[in-house]
Amino acid sequence: MKKGLLDILKGKFLVSGDAPKNWLFLLFASFLAAAMISSSHNADKKVHEIAELNEEVRALRSEFVVYRRQLQQQKLESSLRNSIVERGLLPAAHPPQKIKVKSTR
């Protein structure tokens, strides 16, 4: 057991007779480790990007609510009447009348 552990620590498995198999396995394991690290970094990057986009959506949604509330306030009859009075127009004294046309056919 001690001899096998010492051989591994000294690196004898890399220079022994069946070393090409060991080198191929180490290259393969290194490639897999690099691919896994790269994938992990890409996933973290996307998580941060999604968090930033969610913050932007929240900000835009609150801005939309503010503008919608302002628009609803401006559409009210009382605010329209006030803005028209400021321009010098007055509401009609008599309500409009419906005109009915009878055809003679």
PDB file of N, CA and C in Angstrom:
ATOM      1  N   MET A   1       0.826  -1.193   0.000  1.00  0.00           N
ATOM      2  CA  MET A   1       0.000   0.000   0.000  1.00  0.00           C
ATOM      3  C   MET A   1       0.868   1.254   0.000  1.00  0.00           C
ATOM      4  N   LYS A   2       1.910   1.270   0.874  1.00  0.00           N
ATOM      5  CA  LYS A   2       2.782   2.429   0.943  1.00  0.00           C
ATOM      6  C   LYS A   2       3.552   2.612  -0.357  1.00  0.00           C
ATOM      7  N   LYS A   3       3.970   1.485  -0.957  1.00  0.00           N
ATOM      8  CA  LYS A   3       4.761   1.572  -2.182  1.00  0.00           C
ATOM      9  C   LYS A   3       3.910   2.143  -3.320  1.00  0.00           C
ATOM     10  N   GLY A   4       2.637   1.714  -3.417  1.00  0.00           N
ATOM     11  CA  GLY A   4       1.743   2.225  -4.461  1.00  0.00           C
ATOM     12  C   GLY A   4       1.483   3.711  -4.296  1.00  0.00           C
ATOM     13  N   LEU A   5       1.305   4.141  -3.077  1.00  0.00           N
ATOM     14  CA  LEU A   5       1.072   5.555  -2.792  1.00  0.00           C
ATOM     15  C   LEU A   5       2.321   6.388  -3.088  1.00  0.00           C
ATOM     16  N   LEU A   6       3.484   5.852  -2.735  1.00  0.00           N
ATOM     17  CA  LEU A   6       4.737   6.554  -3.034  1.00  0.00           C
ATOM     18  C   LEU A   6       4.979   6.639  -4.538  1.00  0.00           C
ATOM     19  N   ASP A   7       4.644   5.582  -5.277  1.00  0.00           N
ATOM     20  CA  ASP A   7       4.801   5.606  -6.735  1.00  0.00           C
ATOM     21  C   ASP A   7       3.907   6.678  -7.359  1.00  0.00           C
ATOM     22  N   ILE A   8       2.702   6.821  -6.835  1.00  0.00           N
ATOM     23  CA  ILE A   8       1.787   7.847  -7.358  1.00  0.00           C
ATOM     24  C   ILE A   8       2.318   9.231  -7.029  1.00  0.00           C
ATOM     25  N   LEU A   9       2.780   9.437  -5.806  1.00  0.00           N
ATOM     26  CA  LEU A   9       3.306  10.738  -5.406  1.00  0.00           C
ATOM     27  C   LEU A   9       4.576  11.110  -6.170  1.00  0.00           C
ATOM     28  N   LYS A  10       5.407  10.126  -6.481  1.00  0.00           N
ATOM     29  CA  LYS A  10       6.632  10.394  -7.236  1.00  0.00           C
ATOM     30  C   LYS A  10       6.354  10.560  -8.728  1.00  0.00           C
ATOM     31  N   GLY A  11       5.201  10.096  -9.192  1.00  0.00           N
ATOM     32  CA  GLY A  11       4.843  10.236 -10.597  1.00  0.00           C
ATOM     33  C   GLY A  11       5.361   9.108 -11.464  1.00  0.00           C
ATOM     34  N   LYS A  12       5.636   7.954 -10.897  1.00  0.00           N
ATOM     35  CA  LYS A  12       6.157   6.834 -11.676  1.00  0.00           C
ATOM     36  C   LYS A  12       5.128   6.314 -12.680  1.00  0.00           C
ATOM     37  N   PHE A  13       3.838   6.528 -12.394  1.00  0.00           N
ATOM     38  CA  PHE A  13       2.814   6.051 -13.320  1.00  0.00           C
ATOM     39  C   PHE A  13       2.841   6.837 -14.632  1.00  0.00           C
ATOM     40  N   LEU A  14       3.511   7.979 -14.646  1.00  0.00           N
ATOM     41  CA  LEU A  14       3.600   8.790 -15.862  1.00  0.00           C
ATOM     42  C   LEU A  14       4.779   8.396 -16.743  1.00  0.00           C
ATOM     43  N   VAL A  15       5.738   7.663 -16.193  1.00  0.00           N
ATOM     44  CA  VAL A  15       6.927   7.299 -16.971  1.00  0.00           C
ATOM     45  C   VAL A  15       7.095   5.797 -17.103  1.00  0.00           C
ATOM     46  N   SER A  16       6.184   5.025 -16.594  1.00  0.00           N
ATOM     47  CA  SER A  16       6.300   3.560 -16.678  1.00  0.00           C
ATOM     48  C   SER A  16       5.976   3.089 -18.093  1.00  0.00           C
ATOM     49  N   GLY A  17       5.938   1.798 -18.296  1.00  0.00           N
ATOM     50  CA  GLY A  17       5.738   1.220 -19.631  1.00  0.00           C
ATOM     51  C   GLY A  17       4.359   1.500 -20.215  1.00  0.00           C
ATOM     52  N   ASP A  18       3.296   1.545 -19.402  1.00  0.00           N
ATOM     53  CA  ASP A  18       1.940   1.822 -19.911  1.00  0.00           C
ATOM     54  C   ASP A  18       1.557   3.294 -19.696  1.00  0.00           C
ATOM     55  N   ALA A  19       2.512   4.167 -19.729  1.00  0.00           N
ATOM     56  CA  ALA A  19       2.292   5.597 -19.506  1.00  0.00           C
ATOM     57  C   ALA A  19       1.390   6.255 -20.554  1.00  0.00           C
ATOM     58  N   PRO A  20       1.438   5.864 -21.857  1.00  0.00           N
ATOM     59  CA  PRO A  20       0.543   6.528 -22.831  1.00  0.00           C
ATOM     60  C   PRO A  20      -0.938   6.427 -22.447  1.00  0.00           C
ATOM     61  N   LYS A  21      -1.341   5.296 -21.876  1.00  0.00           N
ATOM     62  CA  LYS A  21      -2.742   5.171 -21.435  1.00  0.00           C
ATOM     63  C   LYS A  21      -3.033   6.184 -20.320  1.00  0.00           C
ATOM     64  N   ASN A  22      -2.098   6.284 -19.388  1.00  0.00           N
ATOM     65  CA  ASN A  22      -2.287   7.220 -18.276  1.00  0.00           C
ATOM     66  C   ASN A  22      -2.325   8.655 -18.777  1.00  0.00           C
ATOM     67  N   TRP A  23      -1.450   9.005 -19.726  1.00  0.00           N
ATOM     68  CA  TRP A  23      -1.428  10.363 -20.272  1.00  0.00           C
ATOM     69  C   TRP A  23      -2.739  10.676 -20.979  1.00  0.00           C
ATOM     70  N   LEU A  24      -3.256   9.724 -21.759  1.00  0.00           N
ATOM     71  CA  LEU A  24      -4.534   9.947 -22.454  1.00  0.00           C
ATOM     72  C   LEU A  24      -5.665  10.170 -21.451  1.00  0.00           C
ATOM     73  N   PHE A  25      -5.676   9.372 -20.388  1.00  0.00           N
ATOM     74  CA  PHE A  25      -6.725   9.539 -19.381  1.00  0.00           C
ATOM     75  C   PHE A  25      -6.597  10.890 -18.686  1.00  0.00           C
ATOM     76  N   LEU A  26      -5.364  11.290 -18.355  1.00  0.00           N
ATOM     77  CA  LEU A  26      -5.164  12.587 -17.701  1.00  0.00           C
ATOM     78  C   LEU A  26      -5.571  13.740 -18.614  1.00  0.00           C
ATOM     79  N   LEU A  27      -5.248  13.632 -19.904  1.00  0.00           N
ATOM     80  CA  LEU A  27      -5.672  14.672 -20.851  1.00  0.00           C
ATOM     81  C   LEU A  27      -7.192  14.739 -20.941  1.00  0.00           C
ATOM     82  N   PHE A  28      -7.829  13.567 -20.992  1.00  0.00           N
ATOM     83  CA  PHE A  28      -9.287  13.515 -21.055  1.00  0.00           C
ATOM     84  C   PHE A  28      -9.913  14.100 -19.798  1.00  0.00           C
ATOM     85  N   ALA A  29      -9.382  13.724 -18.627  1.00  0.00           N
ATOM     86  CA  ALA A  29      -9.909  14.242 -17.359  1.00  0.00           C
ATOM     87  C   ALA A  29      -9.687  15.760 -17.273  1.00  0.00           C
ATOM     88  N   SER A  30      -8.536  16.233 -17.750  1.00  0.00           N
ATOM     89  CA  SER A  30      -8.271  17.682 -17.740  1.00  0.00           C
ATOM     90  C   SER A  30      -9.239  18.418 -18.650  1.00  0.00           C
ATOM     91  N   PHE A  31      -9.508  17.844 -19.829  1.00  0.00           N
ATOM     92  CA  PHE A  31     -10.464  18.459 -20.752  1.00  0.00           C
ATOM     93  C   PHE A  31     -11.853  18.524 -20.125  1.00  0.00           C
ATOM     94  N   LEU A  32     -12.280  17.449 -19.487  1.00  0.00           N
ATOM     95  CA  LEU A  32     -13.595  17.444 -18.833  1.00  0.00           C
ATOM     96  C   LEU A  32     -13.660  18.467 -17.699  1.00  0.00           C
ATOM     97  N   ALA A  33     -12.587  18.584 -16.931  1.00  0.00           N
ATOM     98  CA  ALA A  33     -12.574  19.559 -15.837  1.00  0.00           C
ATOM     99  C   ALA A  33     -12.658  20.982 -16.386  1.00  0.00           C
ATOM    100  N   ALA A  34     -11.919  21.263 -17.471  1.00  0.00           N
ATOM    101  CA  ALA A  34     -11.962  22.600 -18.070  1.00  0.00           C
ATOM    102  C   ALA A  34     -13.351  22.896 -18.625  1.00  0.00           C
ATOM    103  N   ALA A  35     -13.962  21.896 -19.261  1.00  0.00           N
ATOM    104  CA  ALA A  35     -15.313  22.082 -19.799  1.00  0.00           C
ATOM    105  C   ALA A  35     -16.312  22.341 -18.672  1.00  0.00           C
ATOM    106  N   MET A  36     -16.178  21.641 -17.568  1.00  0.00           N
ATOM    107  CA  MET A  36     -17.086  21.823 -16.442  1.00  0.00           C
ATOM    108  C   MET A  36     -16.915  23.212 -15.821  1.00  0.00           C
ATOM    109  N   ILE A  37     -15.688  23.667 -15.674  1.00  0.00           N
ATOM    110  CA  ILE A  37     -15.427  24.996 -15.114  1.00  0.00           C
ATOM    111  C   ILE A  37     -15.996  26.073 -16.027  1.00  0.00           C
ATOM    112  N   SER A  38     -15.786  25.903 -17.327  1.00  0.00           N
ATOM    113  CA  SER A  38     -16.307  26.873 -18.293  1.00  0.00           C
ATOM    114  C   SER A  38     -17.838  26.919 -18.252  1.00  0.00           C
ATOM    115  N   SER A  39     -18.456  25.760 -18.190  1.00  0.00           N
ATOM    116  CA  SER A  39     -19.919  25.694 -18.127  1.00  0.00           C
ATOM    117  C   SER A  39     -20.436  26.358 -16.852  1.00  0.00           C
ATOM    118  N   SER A  40     -19.742  26.143 -15.750  1.00  0.00           N
ATOM    119  CA  SER A  40     -20.147  26.753 -14.486  1.00  0.00           C
ATOM    120  C   SER A  40     -20.057  28.276 -14.557  1.00  0.00           C
ATOM    121  N   HIS A  41     -18.972  28.789 -15.151  1.00  0.00           N
ATOM    122  CA  HIS A  41     -18.825  30.241 -15.285  1.00  0.00           C
ATOM    123  C   HIS A  41     -19.913  30.824 -16.182  1.00  0.00           C
ATOM    124  N   ASN A  42     -20.224  30.130 -17.270  1.00  0.00           N
ATOM    125  CA  ASN A  42     -21.286  30.609 -18.170  1.00  0.00           C
ATOM    126  C   ASN A  42     -22.637  30.623 -17.461  1.00  0.00           C
ATOM    127  N   ALA A  43     -22.906  29.599 -16.662  1.00  0.00           N
ATOM    128  CA  ALA A  43     -24.174  29.548 -15.932  1.00  0.00           C
ATOM    129  C   ALA A  43     -24.262  30.691 -14.926  1.00  0.00           C
ATOM    130  N   ASP A  44     -23.171  30.956 -14.201  1.00  0.00           N
ATOM    131  CA  ASP A  44     -23.164  32.076 -13.243  1.00  0.00           C
ATOM    132  C   ASP A  44     -23.370  33.404 -13.950  1.00  0.00           C
ATOM    133  N   LYS A  45     -22.736  33.560 -15.098  1.00  0.00           N
ATOM    134  CA  LYS A  45     -22.878  34.792 -15.874  1.00  0.00           C
ATOM    135  C   LYS A  45     -24.332  35.003 -16.291  1.00  0.00           C
ATOM    136  N   LYS A  46     -24.990  33.935 -16.715  1.00  0.00           N
ATOM    137  CA  LYS A  46     -26.391  34.044 -17.133  1.00  0.00           C
ATOM    138  C   LYS A  46     -27.301  34.343 -15.943  1.00  0.00           C
ATOM    139  N   VAL A  47     -26.999  33.785 -14.785  1.00  0.00           N
ATOM    140  CA  VAL A  47     -27.804  34.060 -13.593  1.00  0.00           C
ATOM    141  C   VAL A  47     -27.716  35.543 -13.243  1.00  0.00           C
ATOM    142  N   HIS A  48     -26.508  36.113 -13.293  1.00  0.00           N
ATOM    143  CA  HIS A  48     -26.353  37.544 -13.003  1.00  0.00           C
ATOM    144  C   HIS A  48     -27.068  38.392 -14.052  1.00  0.00           C
ATOM    145  N   GLU A  49     -26.995  37.968 -15.304  1.00  0.00           N
ATOM    146  CA  GLU A  49     -27.673  38.706 -16.379  1.00  0.00           C
ATOM    147  C   GLU A  49     -29.186  38.686 -16.172  1.00  0.00           C
ATOM    148  N   ILE A  50     -29.722  37.532 -15.787  1.00  0.00           N
ATOM    149  CA  ILE A  50     -31.162  37.411 -15.544  1.00  0.00           C
ATOM    150  C   ILE A  50     -31.574  38.296 -14.365  1.00  0.00           C
ATOM    151  N   ALA A  51     -30.753  38.343 -13.321  1.00  0.00           N
ATOM    152  CA  ALA A  51     -31.067  39.183 -12.165  1.00  0.00           C
ATOM    153  C   ALA A  51     -31.092  40.658 -12.558  1.00  0.00           C
ATOM    154  N   GLU A  52     -30.130  41.079 -13.378  1.00  0.00           N
ATOM    155  CA  GLU A  52     -30.112  42.472 -13.836  1.00  0.00           C
ATOM    156  C   GLU A  52     -31.345  42.787 -14.680  1.00  0.00           C
ATOM    157  N   LEU A  53     -31.721  41.865 -15.562  1.00  0.00           N
ATOM    158  CA  LEU A  53     -32.900  42.093 -16.403  1.00  0.00           C
ATOM    159  C   LEU A  53     -34.172  42.134 -15.571  1.00  0.00           C
ATOM    160  N   ASN A  54     -34.257  41.315 -14.526  1.00  0.00           N
ATOM    161  CA  ASN A  54     -35.429  41.354 -13.649  1.00  0.00           C
ATOM    162  C   ASN A  54     -35.529  42.694 -12.925  1.00  0.00           C
ATOM    163  N   GLU A  55     -34.398  43.239 -12.497  1.00  0.00           N
ATOM    164  CA  GLU A  55     -34.400  44.558 -11.862  1.00  0.00           C
ATOM    165  C   GLU A  55     -34.867  45.627 -12.852  1.00  0.00           C
ATOM    166  N   GLU A  56     -34.400  45.521 -14.089  1.00  0.00           N
ATOM    167  CA  GLU A  56     -34.810  46.487 -15.115  1.00  0.00           C
ATOM    168  C   GLU A  56     -36.304  46.388 -15.392  1.00  0.00           C
ATOM    169  N   VAL A  57     -36.830  45.158 -15.426  1.00  0.00           N
ATOM    170  CA  VAL A  57     -38.272  44.963 -15.647  1.00  0.00           C
ATOM    171  C   VAL A  57     -39.069  45.581 -14.505  1.00  0.00           C
ATOM    172  N   ARG A  58     -38.610  45.385 -13.263  1.00  0.00           N
ATOM    173  CA  ARG A  58     -39.319  45.980 -12.121  1.00  0.00           C
ATOM    174  C   ARG A  58     -39.335  47.504 -12.219  1.00  0.00           C
ATOM    175  N   ALA A  59     -38.191  48.075 -12.591  1.00  0.00           N
ATOM    176  CA  ALA A  59     -38.114  49.537 -12.700  1.00  0.00           C
ATOM    177  C   ALA A  59     -39.036  50.043 -13.806  1.00  0.00           C
ATOM    178  N   LEU A  60     -39.028  49.373 -14.948  1.00  0.00           N
ATOM    179  CA  LEU A  60     -39.889  49.798 -16.057  1.00  0.00           C
ATOM    180  C   LEU A  60     -41.366  49.620 -15.722  1.00  0.00           C
ATOM    181  N   ARG A  61     -41.687  48.555 -14.996  1.00  0.00           N
ATOM    182  CA  ARG A  61     -43.087  48.323 -14.611  1.00  0.00           C
ATOM    183  C   ARG A  61     -43.570  49.417 -13.666  1.00  0.00           C
ATOM    184  N   SER A  62     -42.726  49.821 -12.711  1.00  0.00           N
ATOM    185  CA  SER A  62     -43.140  50.886 -11.793  1.00  0.00           C
ATOM    186  C   SER A  62     -43.266  52.214 -12.543  1.00  0.00           C
ATOM    187  N   GLU A  63     -42.384  52.467 -13.496  1.00  0.00           N
ATOM    188  CA  GLU A  63     -42.491  53.681 -14.309  1.00  0.00           C
ATOM    189  C   GLU A  63     -43.788  53.666 -15.126  1.00  0.00           C
ATOM    190  N   PHE A  64     -44.142  52.493 -15.659  1.00  0.00           N
ATOM    191  CA  PHE A  64     -45.385  52.353 -16.415  1.00  0.00           C
ATOM    192  C   PHE A  64     -46.593  52.656 -15.531  1.00  0.00           C
ATOM    193  N   VAL A  65     -46.576  52.158 -14.306  1.00  0.00           N
ATOM    194  CA  VAL A  65     -47.705  52.391 -13.386  1.00  0.00           C
ATOM    195  C   VAL A  65     -47.841  53.881 -13.084  1.00  0.00           C
ATOM    196  N   VAL A  66     -46.719  54.562 -12.904  1.00  0.00           N
ATOM    197  CA  VAL A  66     -46.761  55.998 -12.621  1.00  0.00           C
ATOM    198  C   VAL A  66     -47.375  56.746 -13.801  1.00  0.00           C
ATOM    199  N   TYR A  67     -46.922  56.446 -15.015  1.00  0.00           N
ATOM    200  CA  TYR A  67     -47.444  57.139 -16.196  1.00  0.00           C
ATOM    201  C   TYR A  67     -48.910  56.801 -16.444  1.00  0.00           C
ATOM    202  N   ARG A  68     -49.314  55.561 -16.185  1.00  0.00           N
ATOM    203  CA  ARG A  68     -50.713  55.193 -16.372  1.00  0.00           C
ATOM    204  C   ARG A  68     -51.597  55.948 -15.387  1.00  0.00           C
ATOM    205  N   ARG A  69     -51.129  56.096 -14.131  1.00  0.00           N
ATOM    206  CA  ARG A  69     -51.898  56.839 -13.142  1.00  0.00           C
ATOM    207  C   ARG A  69     -52.022  58.308 -13.542  1.00  0.00           C
ATOM    208  N   GLN A  70     -50.938  58.891 -14.057  1.00  0.00           N
ATOM    209  CA  GLN A  70     -50.994  60.281 -14.506  1.00  0.00           C
ATOM    210  C   GLN A  70     -51.974  60.438 -15.668  1.00  0.00           C
ATOM    211  N   LEU A  71     -51.968  59.490 -16.586  1.00  0.00           N
ATOM    212  CA  LEU A  71     -52.884  59.551 -17.720  1.00  0.00           C
ATOM    213  C   LEU A  71     -54.329  59.446 -17.257  1.00  0.00           C
ATOM    214  N   GLN A  72     -54.598  58.554 -16.320  1.00  0.00           N
ATOM    215  CA  GLN A  72     -55.963  58.424 -15.813  1.00  0.00           C
ATOM    216  C   GLN A  72     -56.408  59.702 -15.117  1.00  0.00           C
ATOM    217  N   GLN A  73     -55.514  60.358 -14.413  1.00  0.00           N
ATOM    218  CA  GLN A  73     -55.850  61.629 -13.772  1.00  0.00           C
ATOM    219  C   GLN A  73     -56.178  62.693 -14.820  1.00  0.00           C
ATOM    220  N   GLN A  74     -55.418  62.718 -15.906  1.00  0.00           N
ATOM    221  CA  GLN A  74     -55.642  63.717 -16.951  1.00  0.00           C
ATOM    222  C   GLN A  74     -56.928  63.443 -17.736  1.00  0.00           C
ATOM    223  N   LYS A  75     -57.391  62.201 -17.755  1.00  0.00           N
ATOM    224  CA  LYS A  75     -58.607  61.858 -18.493  1.00  0.00           C
ATOM    225  C   LYS A  75     -59.882  62.174 -17.708  1.00  0.00           C
ATOM    226  N   LEU A  76     -59.761  62.443 -16.424  1.00  0.00           N
ATOM    227  CA  LEU A  76     -60.946  62.733 -15.622  1.00  0.00           C
ATOM    228  C   LEU A  76     -61.632  64.003 -16.126  1.00  0.00           C
ATOM    229  N   GLU A  77     -62.952  64.004 -16.039  1.00  0.00           N
ATOM    230  CA  GLU A  77     -63.730  65.138 -16.536  1.00  0.00           C
ATOM    231  C   GLU A  77     -63.351  66.425 -15.809  1.00  0.00           C
ATOM    232  N   SER A  78     -63.130  66.329 -14.514  1.00  0.00           N
ATOM    233  CA  SER A  78     -62.810  67.541 -13.749  1.00  0.00           C
ATOM    234  C   SER A  78     -61.471  68.131 -14.191  1.00  0.00           C
ATOM    235  N   SER A  79     -60.466  67.290 -14.433  1.00  0.00           N
ATOM    236  CA  SER A  79     -59.177  67.829 -14.859  1.00  0.00           C
ATOM    237  C   SER A  79     -59.261  68.358 -16.285  1.00  0.00           C
ATOM    238  N   LEU A  80     -60.075  67.722 -17.148  1.00  0.00           N
ATOM    239  CA  LEU A  80     -60.273  68.251 -18.506  1.00  0.00           C
ATOM    240  C   LEU A  80     -60.977  69.607 -18.452  1.00  0.00           C
ATOM    241  N   ARG A  81     -61.977  69.709 -17.595  1.00  0.00           N
ATOM    242  CA  ARG A  81     -62.715  70.971 -17.466  1.00  0.00           C
ATOM    243  C   ARG A  81     -61.780  72.078 -16.982  1.00  0.00           C
ATOM    244  N   ASN A  82     -60.944  71.788 -16.014  1.00  0.00           N
ATOM    245  CA  ASN A  82     -59.999  72.793 -15.503  1.00  0.00           C
ATOM    246  C   ASN A  82     -59.004  73.227 -16.575  1.00  0.00           C
ATOM    247  N   SER A  83     -58.496  72.282 -17.351  1.00  0.00           N
ATOM    248  CA  SER A  83     -57.522  72.655 -18.381  1.00  0.00           C
ATOM    249  C   SER A  83     -58.175  73.463 -19.506  1.00  0.00           C
ATOM    250  N   ILE A  84     -59.444  73.175 -19.803  1.00  0.00           N
ATOM    251  CA  ILE A  84     -60.145  73.931 -20.847  1.00  0.00           C
ATOM    252  C   ILE A  84     -60.470  75.343 -20.351  1.00  0.00           C
ATOM    253  N   VAL A  85     -60.846  75.477 -19.080  1.00  0.00           N
ATOM    254  CA  VAL A  85     -61.141  76.798 -18.512  1.00  0.00           C
ATOM    255  C   VAL A  85     -59.877  77.658 -18.528  1.00  0.00           C
ATOM    256  N   GLU A  86     -58.730  77.076 -18.264  1.00  0.00           N
ATOM    257  CA  GLU A  86     -57.468  77.816 -18.296  1.00  0.00           C
ATOM    258  C   GLU A  86     -57.178  78.365 -19.686  1.00  0.00           C
ATOM    259  N   ARG A  87     -57.667  77.692 -20.711  1.00  0.00           N
ATOM    260  CA  ARG A  87     -57.443  78.157 -22.090  1.00  0.00           C
ATOM    261  C   ARG A  87     -58.513  79.151 -22.548  1.00  0.00           C
ATOM    262  N   GLY A  88     -59.501  79.401 -21.716  1.00  0.00           N
ATOM    263  CA  GLY A  88     -60.504  80.398 -22.046  1.00  0.00           C
ATOM    264  C   GLY A  88     -61.796  79.818 -22.602  1.00  0.00           C
ATOM    265  N   LEU A  89     -61.924  78.526 -22.663  1.00  0.00           N
ATOM    266  CA  LEU A  89     -63.166  77.911 -23.137  1.00  0.00           C
ATOM    267  C   LEU A  89     -64.053  77.579 -21.949  1.00  0.00           C
ATOM    268  N   LEU A  90     -65.358  77.737 -22.153  1.00  0.00           N
ATOM    269  CA  LEU A  90     -66.312  77.442 -21.088  1.00  0.00           C
ATOM    270  C   LEU A  90     -67.203  76.295 -21.534  1.00  0.00           C
ATOM    271  N   PRO A  91     -67.730  75.538 -20.594  1.00  0.00           N
ATOM    272  CA  PRO A  91     -68.651  74.468 -20.972  1.00  0.00           C
ATOM    273  C   PRO A  91     -69.934  75.054 -21.558  1.00  0.00           C
ATOM    274  N   ALA A  92     -70.598  74.262 -22.364  1.00  0.00           N
ATOM    275  CA  ALA A  92     -71.835  74.721 -23.009  1.00  0.00           C
ATOM    276  C   ALA A  92     -72.901  74.997 -21.956  1.00  0.00           C
ATOM    277  N   ALA A  93     -73.685  76.084 -22.187  1.00  0.00           N
ATOM    278  CA  ALA A  93     -74.744  76.448 -21.252  1.00  0.00           C
ATOM    279  C   ALA A  93     -75.947  75.525 -21.427  1.00  0.00           C
ATOM    280  N   HIS A  94     -76.177  75.072 -22.661  1.00  0.00           N
ATOM    281  CA  HIS A  94     -77.303  74.184 -22.957  1.00  0.00           C
ATOM    282  C   HIS A  94     -76.745  72.848 -23.430  1.00  0.00           C
ATOM    283  N   PRO A  95     -77.360  71.765 -22.988  1.00  0.00           N
ATOM    284  CA  PRO A  95     -76.863  70.458 -23.427  1.00  0.00           C
ATOM    285  C   PRO A  95     -77.149  70.254 -24.923  1.00  0.00           C
ATOM    286  N   PRO A  96     -76.402  69.438 -25.587  1.00  0.00           N
ATOM    287  CA  PRO A  96     -76.641  69.207 -27.016  1.00  0.00           C
ATOM    288  C   PRO A  96     -77.976  68.503 -27.225  1.00  0.00           C
ATOM    289  N   GLN A  97     -78.579  68.758 -28.404  1.00  0.00           N
ATOM    290  CA  GLN A  97     -79.852  68.128 -28.731  1.00  0.00           C
ATOM    291  C   GLN A  97     -79.646  67.163 -29.881  1.00  0.00           C
ATOM    292  N   LYS A  98     -80.412  66.106 -29.863  1.00  0.00           N
ATOM    293  CA  LYS A  98     -80.330  65.103 -30.885  1.00  0.00           C
ATOM    294  C   LYS A  98     -81.196  65.530 -32.060  1.00  0.00           C
ATOM    295  N   ILE A  99     -80.671  65.420 -33.266  1.00  0.00           N
ATOM    296  CA  ILE A  99     -81.442  65.775 -34.468  1.00  0.00           C
ATOM    297  C   ILE A  99     -81.940  64.493 -35.074  1.00  0.00           C
ATOM    298  N   LYS A 100     -83.238  64.408 -35.288  1.00  0.00           N
ATOM    299  CA  LYS A 100     -83.847  63.233 -35.888  1.00  0.00           C
ATOM    300  C   LYS A 100     -84.332  63.596 -37.283  1.00  0.00           C
ATOM    301  N   VAL A 101     -83.971  62.793 -38.251  1.00  0.00           N
ATOM    302  CA  VAL A 101     -84.386  63.017 -39.636  1.00  0.00           C
ATOM    303  C   VAL A 101     -85.317  61.876 -40.017  1.00  0.00           C
ATOM    304  N   LYS A 102     -86.514  62.278 -40.498  1.00  0.00           N
ATOM    305  CA  LYS A 102     -87.473  61.264 -40.943  1.00  0.00           C
ATOM    306  C   LYS A 102     -87.390  61.195 -42.461  1.00  0.00           C
ATOM    307  N   SER A 103     -87.229  60.028 -42.962  1.00  0.00           N
ATOM    308  CA  SER A 103     -87.153  59.906 -44.427  1.00  0.00           C
ATOM    309  C   SER A 103     -88.577  59.764 -44.983  1.00  0.00           C
ATOM    310  N   THR A 104     -88.768  60.208 -46.223  1.00  0.00           N
ATOM    311  CA  THR A 104     -90.098  60.193 -46.838  1.00  0.00           C
ATOM    312  C   THR A 104     -90.203  59.099 -47.868  1.00  0.00           C
ATOM    313  N   ARG A 105     -89.561  58.067 -47.736  1.00  0.00           N
ATOM    314  CA  ARG A 105     -89.598  56.980 -48.710  1.00  0.00           C
ATOM    315  C   ARG A 105     -90.753  56.092 -48.542  1.00  0.00           C
TER     316      ARG A 105
END
